[in-house]
Each structure stands twice: as C-alpha cells, then as structure tokens.
Amino acid sequence: MVDTSVQPLFTMGRVDVISMGCSKNLVDSERLLRRLQAKGYHTVHDSDAPCGEWVMVNTCGFIGDAKEESINLILQLAEAKSEGRIGHIAVMGCLAERYLAELTEEIGEVDRWYGKFNWNLFIDELPDRSVDTVHPRPWERKLTTPLWSAYLKISEGCNRFCAFCAIPLITGRHKSRPRAEILEEVRELVAQGVKEFNIIAQDLSSYGLDLSGSSQLAQLLDEIADIHGVEWIRLHYAYPADFPMDILDVMRRRHNICNYLDIALQHIADPVLSNMRRHIDKEGTLRLLDEIRRRVPGIRLRTTLMTGFPGEGEKEFDELMDFVRTQRFDRMGAFAYCEEDDTWSARHLEDSIPEDVKQERLQRLMDLQEEISLELNTQLIGQTLRVLIEKNNADSPDDYAIGRTQWDSPEVDPEVLVRDCTARPGEFVDVIITAAEPFELIGRQVSSD
C-alpha cells in the first residue's frame, strides 16, 4: 500500500516506477528504468511515497485480487496528483493491455495508457534530459533485485489456453527469445556481479518450439551453465504436458543448476484436469513426477494447486488431498478458483461451488502442506547446506543473518536464519541446520578453520 500522506510537491526529472504482480512484470519494469536513466531521468522503484514528475504503474491483470489492487493504487495516485504531490500518471502492463478501453473511460486522471508491449512509446514521448545519447540494448536493465540475483525472462506468451487462465488473452502466443541474446544478457549480468539466475517464462516447457520446432531449453541451460561466474540457475514455471525430458539430464550433471523445479500442476483428479483443459491426466502427471525424481535425485519440487474449479466435488478434492499427502511437495502454493472474463471456463462452465467451500478447501490444503513442510524441514536438522546470504543482521538482538538454499526461490520460498554469520550479503557460506519451522530453517555458520 502506497503512503499518500502529505508529501513535498513533486520532483521534476524524477520518474517513479511501481511494479505489481509477477517477476515477469518486474523484468519489464527494470528495462523501463534503464531506458529512463539513459534519457536523463532520475528513477525510483516501488517508493512508498512517490513524488515524481511522472509515476508509471506496471499493472497486473491475472486474477481478481490483483486487478483490484492495481486499480486501487491508480486511484490513490490520482488523489495524490490532484493534491500536487505527483505530476503525471502513466499506466502500463497486463491490466491496461486487457481493459484499455474501459479503464481509459473510467479513470480520466491517468495521463497516458500503454499495454504490456508498447511501453517504449512512453520513453519516446518524454523530453530528452540526457547529455550524451545512449541507446540501451533491448535486454539492458536497472536491476531492482539484490546485486547478486536476477530474474531472466526467456520467453513471453503462452499457447496452452488452459480453461481458467487469461494470460494468453493478454500476452498472446508463445514467443521465445533467441538463445544468443539471452546468453549475451547473462554475460553482462555476471560482469555486474550477478551470481544467481532465476529463469522465468509463462511456459518454460515450450522454450524454443517457435524457433526451431523442437525444445531448446536443455541446450540453453547447458550454455548458461558454461558461463563462468554463474553459481545458481533455478527454473520456474514449467508446464507438465509435453515436458522437455532432456533438461533432466542437464540438471543432474551441471552442478550450478539448482535441484529445484517450479511446475504448476493445478489438480490431479481427471474430471477437473479435463475441465481445466490441462492437456494431461492423472496417470501422466504421476508418471512425470516419478521420472523427474528418478532422473534428478534430491530434486525439490514446487507446485501450484487450485481449489473449487468446476467439477471439483468432495471426491475430487479428497483425491487432491491424497495427492499432496503422497507426493509431499517441498514447496506448494494454492489459490481458490476465481472466474476470469472471457476465459473458456467463464464461457462454458458454471462457477457453482460456493466461495466459502472454495476457501475452506484451500485452508485444508494449506494446513496439510504446512505439516508436510515441517516434517521435511525437520529432516534437515544436522545437515550442512550451502546458503546464499542476503541480509546480515549482526547488530540486531537476534544476531541473525538471512539467506536461502538452492531450494529456495526469492520472495516465495523459506529462508534460513543463520547465527554467528560473518559473511556479507551476496556471499555463500556453509550452514549446519540446528532447528526447523514449517517455512523456515535455523542454523549456524560452519567455521572455516
């Protein structure tokens, strides 16, 4: 929530960029920030008290709550503009891409609207304040993440058209970035000090299909892993149908590819998977999970599940609970189904499950996962893990540093609290685990003596 209490009048030459939603959006915001800098503007990202000549909001339009949050922020900024605390408002991103006509009519306080892909027009329309003419390459960014960590977006769009998902309606068809361009970006980021690369896409499994007719993900991973200075590569948002099995061999033999895979499964009951148009059934899902674990020993799996989708009765929900209980996912998120405009399910299926039932099932599912997470974390007590330190609170009463293991993605996964830590943020240390919570590990740095 942005603090729109009394602030000084806006600052000429400053642009505040507020990024909402997913890490894929964040990469777009970082590219925007770099271009603003090249044009001579002072940029601030995600300020709690924006006071720029311009404020650009990069919106999310994925689900109802995210859309509401984006609109509420725009309305807060409109009030700040009317009080003279910011100069002008611009809006870009997924929400604007999808609802441009309606939003333009309803929120007249916004000065400029852009979609998800034409935000470069905002740069072109601003007066040039720079002394020297600089033209950043398309992938150049001002990182908003810690200096040692970056998201690496390798494609846009999606061809899957799952029944519940509006993303293809916003982003269009799947489009892979060329490997050479991605590798050049990685080399430049390594030169800036980045060690950890969180690879993201709406559909990681389809990378390269549009370039050559076959998956290029395994080759891309091998080539990234070859780059000196790349310490951790972590994979996000694979799709279970048509999964590129050849990446598993690469993951097993490359030491700097984390034993971690984020693969959204959504459900396990065949009637629900069919209604969801997921292009895979229960048998195929179980066979895939078994093969992943067989070929990459010790891999940690993160998944996302949904409750309350049309066709989920008590029998199907019990099947989902049994699935989670049996598979014992290391990381799991879940959400209740919310009907989205113009999706296949909104057009063809009745959203008949009451909201309180959806939420009650969601709570039961997450309670089960909390038990599983505690059991899995407890098994790590006594083990020594490599931890990337992100904060060192040595001066605090608790004397903890905070870090992550290779199995922990930024923002969404557990952290490791480290006592007696002498490392600076961005350094790796060995930590012996001494205690565990459901979503947190506690340990102490192993002495290097």
Protein backbone atom coordinates (compact mmCIF):
# COMPACT_ATOMS: atom_id res chain seq x y z
CA MET A 1 0.00 0.00 0.00
CA VAL A 2 1.40 3.37 -1.04
CA ASP A 3 1.59 6.03 1.64
CA THR A 4 -0.17 9.03 0.11
CA SER A 5 0.03 11.22 3.21
CA VAL A 6 1.27 14.78 2.87
CA GLN A 7 4.50 14.94 0.85
CA PRO A 8 6.55 17.69 -0.77
CA LEU A 9 5.50 18.85 -4.25
CA PHE A 10 6.65 16.53 -6.99
CA THR A 11 10.26 16.48 -8.20
CA MET A 12 10.93 17.49 -11.79
CA GLY A 13 13.03 14.99 -13.70
CA ARG A 14 12.07 12.12 -11.41
CA VAL A 15 10.07 9.09 -12.56
CA ASP A 16 8.66 6.64 -10.01
CA VAL A 17 8.05 3.17 -11.39
CA ILE A 18 5.78 0.90 -9.36
CA SER A 19 5.80 -2.75 -10.40
CA MET A 20 2.90 -5.02 -9.49
CA GLY A 21 2.33 -8.72 -10.00
CA CYS A 22 4.86 -11.31 -11.06
CA SER A 23 8.59 -11.41 -11.69
CA LYS A 24 7.94 -11.30 -15.45
CA ASN A 25 6.39 -7.87 -14.93
CA LEU A 26 9.38 -6.88 -12.81
CA VAL A 27 11.77 -7.55 -15.70
CA ASP A 28 9.72 -5.18 -17.89
CA SER A 29 9.89 -2.53 -15.17
CA GLU A 30 13.66 -2.95 -14.93
CA ARG A 31 14.02 -2.46 -18.69
CA LEU A 32 11.87 0.65 -18.46
CA LEU A 33 14.01 2.03 -15.63
CA ARG A 34 17.17 1.55 -17.68
CA ARG A 35 15.74 3.46 -20.63
CA LEU A 36 14.56 6.26 -18.39
CA GLN A 37 18.05 6.55 -16.95
CA ALA A 38 19.55 6.67 -20.44
CA LYS A 39 17.23 9.56 -21.25
CA GLY A 40 18.48 11.50 -18.25
CA TYR A 41 15.73 10.89 -15.69
CA HIS A 42 16.18 10.11 -12.02
CA THR A 43 14.32 6.87 -11.35
CA VAL A 44 12.92 5.37 -8.17
CA HIS A 45 11.41 1.90 -7.97
CA ASP A 46 8.50 0.95 -5.70
CA SER A 47 8.67 4.02 -3.49
CA ASP A 48 6.23 4.10 -0.57
CA ALA A 49 5.82 7.82 -1.18
CA PRO A 50 6.10 8.53 -4.92
CA CYS A 51 6.70 12.18 -5.73
CA GLY A 52 7.93 12.12 -9.30
CA GLU A 53 7.17 14.31 -12.26
CA TRP A 54 5.79 11.05 -13.60
CA VAL A 55 4.61 7.90 -11.86
CA MET A 56 4.38 4.79 -14.04
CA VAL A 57 2.35 1.84 -12.71
CA ASN A 58 3.12 -1.54 -14.25
CA THR A 59 -0.15 -3.36 -13.54
CA CYS A 60 -1.11 -6.99 -13.04
CA GLY A 61 -4.28 -8.41 -14.58
CA PHE A 62 -4.01 -12.10 -13.72
CA ILE A 63 -6.74 -12.62 -11.10
CA GLY A 64 -9.45 -10.54 -9.46
CA ASP A 65 -7.48 -9.58 -6.35
CA ALA A 66 -4.50 -8.45 -8.43
CA LYS A 67 -6.71 -6.37 -10.71
CA GLU A 68 -8.40 -4.75 -7.74
CA GLU A 69 -5.04 -3.94 -6.15
CA SER A 70 -3.82 -2.30 -9.36
CA ILE A 71 -6.96 -0.18 -9.72
CA ASN A 72 -6.89 0.90 -6.08
CA LEU A 73 -3.28 2.03 -6.46
CA ILE A 74 -4.10 4.05 -9.57
CA LEU A 75 -6.95 5.75 -7.70
CA GLN A 76 -4.63 6.59 -4.79
CA LEU A 77 -2.17 8.11 -7.22
CA ALA A 78 -4.97 10.09 -8.84
CA GLU A 79 -5.71 11.63 -5.45
CA ALA A 80 -2.02 12.40 -4.92
CA LYS A 81 -1.91 14.05 -8.34
CA SER A 82 -4.93 16.23 -7.52
CA GLU A 83 -3.13 17.39 -4.38
CA GLY A 84 0.02 18.27 -6.32
CA ARG A 85 2.20 15.57 -4.79
CA ILE A 86 2.94 13.89 -8.12
CA GLY A 87 2.97 15.39 -11.58
CA HIS A 88 1.53 12.92 -14.06
CA ILE A 89 0.35 9.30 -14.09
CA ALA A 90 1.10 6.66 -16.70
CA VAL A 91 -0.13 3.07 -16.65
CA MET A 92 1.22 0.01 -18.48
CA GLY A 93 1.16 -3.76 -18.11
CA CYS A 94 -1.30 -6.62 -18.18
CA LEU A 95 -4.37 -4.87 -16.75
CA ALA A 96 -4.01 -1.99 -19.19
CA GLU A 97 -3.40 -4.40 -22.08
CA ARG A 98 -6.65 -6.21 -21.39
CA TYR A 99 -9.01 -3.44 -20.29
CA LEU A 100 -7.61 -0.37 -22.01
CA ALA A 101 -10.91 0.96 -23.38
CA GLU A 102 -12.80 0.59 -20.09
CA LEU A 103 -10.01 2.00 -17.94
CA THR A 104 -9.44 5.00 -20.20
CA GLU A 105 -13.09 5.90 -19.89
CA GLU A 106 -13.39 5.29 -16.13
CA ILE A 107 -10.12 6.78 -14.81
CA GLY A 108 -9.62 10.09 -16.54
CA GLU A 109 -6.90 11.21 -14.13
CA VAL A 110 -4.36 8.96 -15.87
CA ASP A 111 -2.38 10.95 -18.43
CA ARG A 112 -1.07 8.13 -20.58
CA TRP A 113 -2.02 4.48 -21.06
CA TYR A 114 0.13 1.72 -22.51
CA GLY A 115 -0.28 -2.02 -22.81
CA LYS A 116 2.18 -4.76 -21.95
CA PHE A 117 4.37 -4.42 -25.03
CA ASN A 118 4.26 -0.81 -26.24
CA TRP A 119 5.65 0.92 -23.14
CA ASN A 120 8.66 2.10 -25.15
CA LEU A 121 6.32 4.76 -26.51
CA PHE A 122 6.41 6.34 -23.04
CA ILE A 123 10.17 6.78 -23.38
CA ASP A 124 9.85 8.20 -26.88
CA GLU A 125 7.27 10.75 -25.74
CA LEU A 126 9.34 12.14 -22.85
CA PRO A 127 11.66 15.13 -23.39
CA ASP A 128 15.32 14.10 -23.55
CA ARG A 129 17.23 15.25 -20.45
CA SER A 130 20.44 13.38 -21.16
CA VAL A 131 23.78 14.97 -22.03
CA ASP A 132 25.01 12.03 -24.08
CA THR A 133 22.88 9.98 -26.43
CA VAL A 134 22.69 6.40 -25.14
CA HIS A 135 20.66 3.62 -26.72
CA PRO A 136 20.38 0.64 -24.36
CA ARG A 137 20.02 -2.73 -26.00
CA PRO A 138 16.59 -4.35 -25.60
CA TRP A 139 17.60 -6.58 -22.69
CA GLU A 140 19.52 -3.99 -20.65
CA ARG A 141 18.01 -3.31 -17.23
CA LYS A 142 18.40 -1.44 -13.99
CA LEU A 143 18.23 -4.31 -11.52
CA THR A 144 15.83 -3.86 -8.63
CA THR A 145 16.77 -7.21 -7.12
CA PRO A 146 19.88 -7.63 -4.93
CA LEU A 147 23.08 -7.15 -6.93
CA TRP A 148 23.89 -10.87 -6.89
CA SER A 149 20.50 -12.11 -8.10
CA ALA A 150 18.41 -11.53 -11.22
CA TYR A 151 15.35 -12.86 -12.99
CA LEU A 152 15.99 -14.00 -16.55
CA LYS A 153 12.92 -13.97 -18.79
CA ILE A 154 13.41 -16.28 -21.76
CA SER A 155 10.01 -16.07 -23.47
CA GLU A 156 6.66 -14.32 -23.49
CA GLY A 157 3.13 -15.55 -24.03
CA CYS A 158 1.53 -18.98 -23.93
CA ASN A 159 -0.11 -21.38 -26.38
CA ARG A 160 -1.76 -23.64 -23.79
CA PHE A 161 -5.08 -21.82 -23.29
CA CYS A 162 -6.00 -23.50 -20.01
CA ALA A 163 -9.67 -23.01 -19.26
CA PHE A 164 -9.17 -20.75 -16.24
CA CYS A 165 -6.26 -18.62 -17.43
CA ALA A 166 -6.44 -15.16 -19.00
CA ILE A 167 -2.71 -14.87 -19.64
CA PRO A 168 -2.83 -15.88 -23.34
CA LEU A 169 -5.58 -13.29 -23.83
CA ILE A 170 -3.16 -10.66 -22.51
CA THR A 171 0.27 -11.74 -23.72
CA GLY A 172 -0.63 -13.54 -26.93
CA ARG A 173 1.07 -16.57 -28.41
CA HIS A 174 4.29 -18.02 -27.05
CA LYS A 175 7.42 -16.27 -28.32
CA SER A 176 10.93 -17.40 -27.33
CA ARG A 177 13.89 -15.06 -27.14
CA PRO A 178 16.89 -16.09 -29.26
CA ARG A 179 19.50 -18.06 -27.32
CA ALA A 180 22.33 -15.78 -28.40
CA GLU A 181 20.55 -12.74 -26.98
CA ILE A 182 19.83 -14.48 -23.67
CA LEU A 183 23.44 -15.62 -23.33
CA GLU A 184 24.73 -12.11 -24.01
CA GLU A 185 22.43 -10.78 -21.29
CA VAL A 186 23.71 -13.40 -18.83
CA ARG A 187 27.34 -12.49 -19.56
CA GLU A 188 26.64 -8.82 -18.98
CA LEU A 189 24.81 -9.51 -15.72
CA VAL A 190 27.65 -11.73 -14.49
CA ALA A 191 30.04 -8.87 -15.24
CA GLN A 192 27.87 -6.70 -12.96
CA GLY A 193 28.16 -9.24 -10.13
CA VAL A 194 25.05 -11.39 -10.60
CA LYS A 195 25.58 -14.98 -9.39
CA GLU A 196 22.04 -16.35 -9.21
CA PHE A 197 19.74 -16.55 -12.25
CA ASN A 198 16.07 -17.34 -11.73
CA ILE A 199 14.86 -18.35 -15.18
CA ILE A 200 11.24 -17.40 -15.80
CA ALA A 201 8.64 -17.75 -18.52
CA GLN A 202 4.92 -18.21 -18.67
CA ASP A 203 5.62 -21.66 -20.14
CA LEU A 204 9.21 -22.79 -19.67
CA SER A 205 8.45 -26.16 -21.28
CA SER A 206 7.80 -24.58 -24.70
CA TYR A 207 11.05 -22.64 -24.97
CA GLY A 208 12.43 -22.89 -28.49
CA LEU A 209 9.45 -24.59 -30.13
CA ASP A 210 8.65 -21.47 -32.13
CA LEU A 211 12.30 -21.00 -33.11
CA SER A 212 13.15 -24.45 -34.42
CA GLY A 213 10.15 -26.73 -33.98
CA SER A 214 11.71 -28.52 -31.00
CA SER A 215 12.60 -27.60 -27.44
CA GLN A 216 15.84 -25.69 -26.99
CA LEU A 217 15.66 -25.46 -23.21
CA ALA A 218 18.25 -28.16 -22.48
CA GLN A 219 20.76 -26.55 -24.85
CA LEU A 220 20.10 -23.10 -23.37
CA LEU A 221 20.64 -24.37 -19.82
CA ASP A 222 23.88 -26.08 -20.81
CA GLU A 223 25.14 -22.86 -22.40
CA ILE A 224 24.19 -20.69 -19.43
CA ALA A 225 25.82 -23.15 -17.05
CA ASP A 226 29.03 -22.87 -19.07
CA ILE A 227 29.36 -19.14 -18.35
CA HIS A 228 32.00 -18.50 -15.70
CA GLY A 229 30.52 -16.79 -12.65
CA VAL A 230 27.06 -18.35 -12.88
CA GLU A 231 26.66 -20.02 -9.48
CA TRP A 232 22.95 -20.89 -9.34
CA ILE A 233 20.39 -21.43 -12.09
CA ARG A 234 16.83 -22.02 -10.93
CA LEU A 235 13.88 -23.00 -13.15
CA HIS A 236 10.40 -21.53 -12.82
CA TYR A 237 7.03 -22.19 -14.37
CA ALA A 238 7.41 -25.40 -16.34
CA TYR A 239 4.27 -26.91 -17.82
CA PRO A 240 3.61 -30.63 -17.21
CA ALA A 241 2.25 -31.52 -20.67
CA ASP A 242 4.96 -32.01 -23.31
CA PHE A 243 7.60 -31.56 -20.63
CA PRO A 244 11.15 -31.38 -22.12
CA MET A 245 12.61 -34.50 -20.51
CA ASP A 246 16.10 -33.82 -21.84
CA ILE A 247 16.54 -30.97 -19.33
CA LEU A 248 16.64 -33.55 -16.53
CA ASP A 249 19.97 -34.96 -17.70
CA VAL A 250 21.37 -31.43 -17.87
CA MET A 251 20.11 -30.68 -14.37
CA ARG A 252 21.68 -33.85 -12.99
CA ARG A 253 25.17 -33.26 -14.40
CA ARG A 254 25.52 -29.48 -14.09
CA HIS A 255 26.49 -28.50 -10.54
CA ASN A 256 25.31 -24.89 -10.92
CA ILE A 257 21.74 -25.81 -11.93
CA CYS A 258 19.79 -25.95 -8.69
CA ASN A 259 17.98 -29.15 -7.78
CA TYR A 260 14.73 -27.23 -7.94
CA LEU A 261 11.83 -27.12 -10.37
CA ASP A 262 8.70 -24.99 -10.25
CA ILE A 263 5.99 -26.85 -12.16
CA ALA A 264 2.35 -25.81 -11.76
CA LEU A 265 0.09 -28.88 -11.69
CA GLN A 266 -3.22 -27.24 -10.61
CA HIS A 267 -5.04 -30.51 -9.79
CA ILE A 268 -4.84 -34.29 -10.00
CA ALA A 269 -8.44 -35.54 -10.42
CA ASP A 270 -9.13 -36.40 -14.06
CA PRO A 271 -12.57 -34.72 -14.26
CA VAL A 272 -11.07 -31.45 -13.02
CA LEU A 273 -7.97 -31.68 -15.23
CA SER A 274 -10.24 -32.29 -18.20
CA ASN A 275 -12.41 -29.28 -17.36
CA MET A 276 -9.25 -27.20 -16.88
CA ARG A 277 -8.03 -28.21 -20.38
CA ARG A 278 -4.61 -29.05 -18.97
CA HIS A 279 -3.63 -31.50 -21.75
CA ILE A 280 -2.50 -34.11 -19.20
CA ASP A 281 -4.29 -36.61 -16.96
CA LYS A 282 -3.59 -38.10 -13.53
CA GLU A 283 -1.64 -41.05 -14.86
CA GLY A 284 0.57 -38.81 -16.99
CA THR A 285 1.17 -36.44 -14.07
CA LEU A 286 2.23 -39.22 -11.71
CA ARG A 287 4.47 -40.76 -14.37
CA LEU A 288 6.13 -37.38 -14.97
CA LEU A 289 6.78 -36.74 -11.28
CA ASP A 290 8.26 -40.20 -10.83
CA GLU A 291 10.58 -39.68 -13.80
CA ILE A 292 11.72 -36.25 -12.64
CA ARG A 293 12.62 -37.60 -9.21
CA ARG A 294 14.29 -40.68 -10.65
CA ARG A 295 16.50 -38.78 -13.07
CA VAL A 296 17.38 -35.88 -10.75
CA PRO A 297 17.97 -37.41 -7.31
CA GLY A 298 17.33 -34.98 -4.48
CA ILE A 299 15.33 -32.54 -6.57
CA ARG A 300 12.93 -30.24 -4.72
CA LEU A 301 9.61 -29.59 -6.44
CA ARG A 302 7.45 -26.50 -6.10
CA THR A 303 3.92 -26.61 -7.46
CA THR A 304 0.72 -24.57 -7.52
CA LEU A 305 -2.73 -26.07 -6.99
CA MET A 306 -6.27 -24.79 -7.26
CA THR A 307 -9.39 -25.49 -5.23
CA GLY A 308 -13.00 -25.03 -6.23
CA PHE A 309 -12.71 -25.33 -10.00
CA PRO A 310 -15.93 -26.50 -11.71
CA GLY A 311 -16.16 -30.28 -11.45
CA GLU A 312 -14.39 -30.49 -8.10
CA GLY A 313 -16.74 -32.32 -5.76
CA GLU A 314 -15.77 -33.72 -2.38
CA LYS A 315 -14.48 -36.87 -4.07
CA GLU A 316 -12.17 -34.88 -6.37
CA PHE A 317 -10.99 -32.68 -3.52
CA ASP A 318 -10.22 -35.73 -1.37
CA GLU A 319 -8.21 -37.05 -4.32
CA LEU A 320 -6.27 -33.79 -4.39
CA MET A 321 -5.56 -34.03 -0.66
CA ASP A 322 -4.34 -37.61 -1.07
CA PHE A 323 -2.12 -36.49 -3.93
CA VAL A 324 -0.46 -33.80 -1.80
CA ARG A 325 -0.15 -36.18 1.15
CA THR A 326 1.53 -38.80 -1.02
CA GLN A 327 3.76 -36.59 -3.18
CA ARG A 328 4.99 -34.47 -0.25
CA PHE A 329 5.90 -31.43 -2.29
CA ASP A 330 8.78 -29.45 -0.88
CA ARG A 331 7.13 -26.15 -1.81
CA MET A 332 3.50 -25.54 -2.63
CA GLY A 333 1.21 -22.60 -3.26
CA ALA A 334 -2.54 -22.75 -3.79
CA PHE A 335 -5.47 -20.49 -4.56
CA ALA A 336 -9.21 -20.71 -4.90
CA TYR A 337 -10.74 -20.57 -8.36
CA CYS A 338 -11.96 -17.17 -9.46
CA GLU A 339 -13.78 -16.85 -12.76
CA GLU A 340 -11.94 -14.56 -15.19
CA ASP A 341 -13.61 -12.66 -18.04
CA ASP A 342 -13.57 -14.27 -21.48
CA THR A 343 -11.74 -17.42 -20.41
CA TRP A 344 -13.00 -20.79 -21.63
CA SER A 345 -14.32 -21.73 -18.20
CA ALA A 346 -16.18 -18.43 -17.85
CA ARG A 347 -17.87 -19.04 -21.17
CA HIS A 348 -18.61 -22.76 -20.86
CA LEU A 349 -18.62 -23.85 -17.20
CA GLU A 350 -20.83 -22.86 -14.30
CA ASP A 351 -18.95 -21.46 -11.30
CA SER A 352 -21.27 -23.33 -8.93
CA ILE A 353 -19.04 -24.05 -5.92
CA PRO A 354 -19.75 -21.55 -3.12
CA GLU A 355 -16.90 -19.25 -2.20
CA ASP A 356 -16.86 -20.41 1.42
CA VAL A 357 -16.43 -24.01 0.24
CA LYS A 358 -13.55 -22.99 -2.03
CA GLN A 359 -11.85 -21.17 0.83
CA GLU A 360 -12.43 -23.98 3.32
CA ARG A 361 -10.84 -26.46 0.92
CA LEU A 362 -7.97 -24.07 0.32
CA GLN A 363 -7.32 -23.81 4.05
CA ARG A 364 -7.38 -27.58 4.50
CA LEU A 365 -4.93 -27.98 1.64
CA MET A 366 -2.51 -25.40 3.03
CA ASP A 367 -2.79 -26.82 6.56
CA LEU A 368 -1.76 -30.19 5.16
CA GLN A 369 1.16 -28.63 3.31
CA GLU A 370 2.30 -26.88 6.50
CA GLU A 371 2.50 -30.26 8.24
CA ILE A 372 4.46 -31.72 5.34
CA SER A 373 6.82 -28.75 5.20
CA LEU A 374 7.61 -29.07 8.89
CA GLU A 375 8.32 -32.79 8.52
CA LEU A 376 10.60 -32.21 5.53
CA ASN A 377 12.43 -29.33 7.19
CA THR A 378 12.91 -31.32 10.40
CA GLN A 379 14.73 -33.99 8.38
CA LEU A 380 17.36 -31.37 7.51
CA ILE A 381 18.43 -30.83 11.12
CA GLY A 382 22.07 -31.80 11.45
CA GLN A 383 22.80 -31.40 7.73
CA THR A 384 25.18 -28.80 6.34
CA LEU A 385 23.75 -26.74 3.48
CA ARG A 386 25.22 -24.13 1.18
CA VAL A 387 23.42 -20.85 1.81
CA LEU A 388 23.43 -17.58 -0.12
CA ILE A 389 23.40 -14.75 2.43
CA GLU A 390 21.02 -11.92 1.58
CA LYS A 391 20.95 -9.89 4.80
CA ASN A 392 23.26 -9.84 7.78
CA ASN A 393 21.60 -8.52 10.90
CA ALA A 394 24.65 -8.99 13.08
CA ASP A 395 23.86 -5.84 15.02
CA SER A 396 20.31 -6.90 15.85
CA PRO A 397 19.40 -8.50 19.19
CA ASP A 398 18.75 -11.83 17.47
CA ASP A 399 22.13 -11.76 15.72
CA TYR A 400 20.75 -13.50 12.63
CA ALA A 401 21.79 -13.35 9.03
CA ILE A 402 19.16 -14.32 6.47
CA GLY A 403 19.83 -16.48 3.46
CA ARG A 404 18.45 -19.08 1.07
CA THR A 405 19.47 -22.55 -0.08
CA GLN A 406 19.45 -23.71 -3.69
CA TRP A 407 15.93 -25.00 -3.00
CA ASP A 408 14.56 -21.56 -2.14
CA SER A 409 13.44 -19.08 -4.75
CA PRO A 410 13.39 -15.38 -3.75
CA GLU A 411 10.20 -13.97 -2.23
CA VAL A 412 8.13 -17.18 -2.31
CA ASP A 413 10.17 -19.86 -0.54
CA PRO A 414 11.53 -20.35 3.01
CA GLU A 415 14.56 -18.55 4.38
CA VAL A 416 17.44 -19.74 6.51
CA LEU A 417 18.23 -17.81 9.70
CA VAL A 418 21.97 -18.07 10.34
CA ARG A 419 23.67 -17.40 13.66
CA ASP A 420 27.33 -16.43 14.02
CA CYS A 421 27.47 -15.40 10.39
CA THR A 422 30.50 -13.43 9.21
CA ALA A 423 29.56 -13.37 5.53
CA ARG A 424 28.46 -10.28 3.66
CA PRO A 425 25.26 -10.22 1.60
CA GLY A 426 25.87 -11.94 -1.71
CA GLU A 427 28.35 -14.47 -0.31
CA PHE A 428 27.87 -18.23 0.04
CA VAL A 429 28.50 -19.97 3.36
CA ASP A 430 28.09 -23.48 4.75
CA VAL A 431 25.43 -23.65 7.43
CA ILE A 432 24.62 -26.53 9.77
CA ILE A 433 20.88 -26.71 10.43
CA THR A 434 20.02 -26.75 14.12
CA ALA A 435 16.24 -26.19 14.15
CA ALA A 436 13.29 -26.10 11.79
CA GLU A 437 9.92 -24.41 11.40
CA PRO A 438 7.36 -25.17 8.69
CA PHE A 439 8.62 -22.38 6.45
CA GLU A 440 11.97 -21.52 7.99
CA LEU A 441 15.28 -23.17 8.83
CA ILE A 442 17.62 -22.08 11.61
CA GLY A 443 21.33 -22.81 11.70
CA ARG A 444 24.80 -21.51 12.33
CA GLN A 445 27.69 -20.86 10.01
CA VAL A 446 30.25 -23.63 9.86
CA SER A 447 33.65 -22.34 10.88
CA SER A 448 36.17 -22.17 8.06
CA ASP A 449 39.05 -23.02 10.47
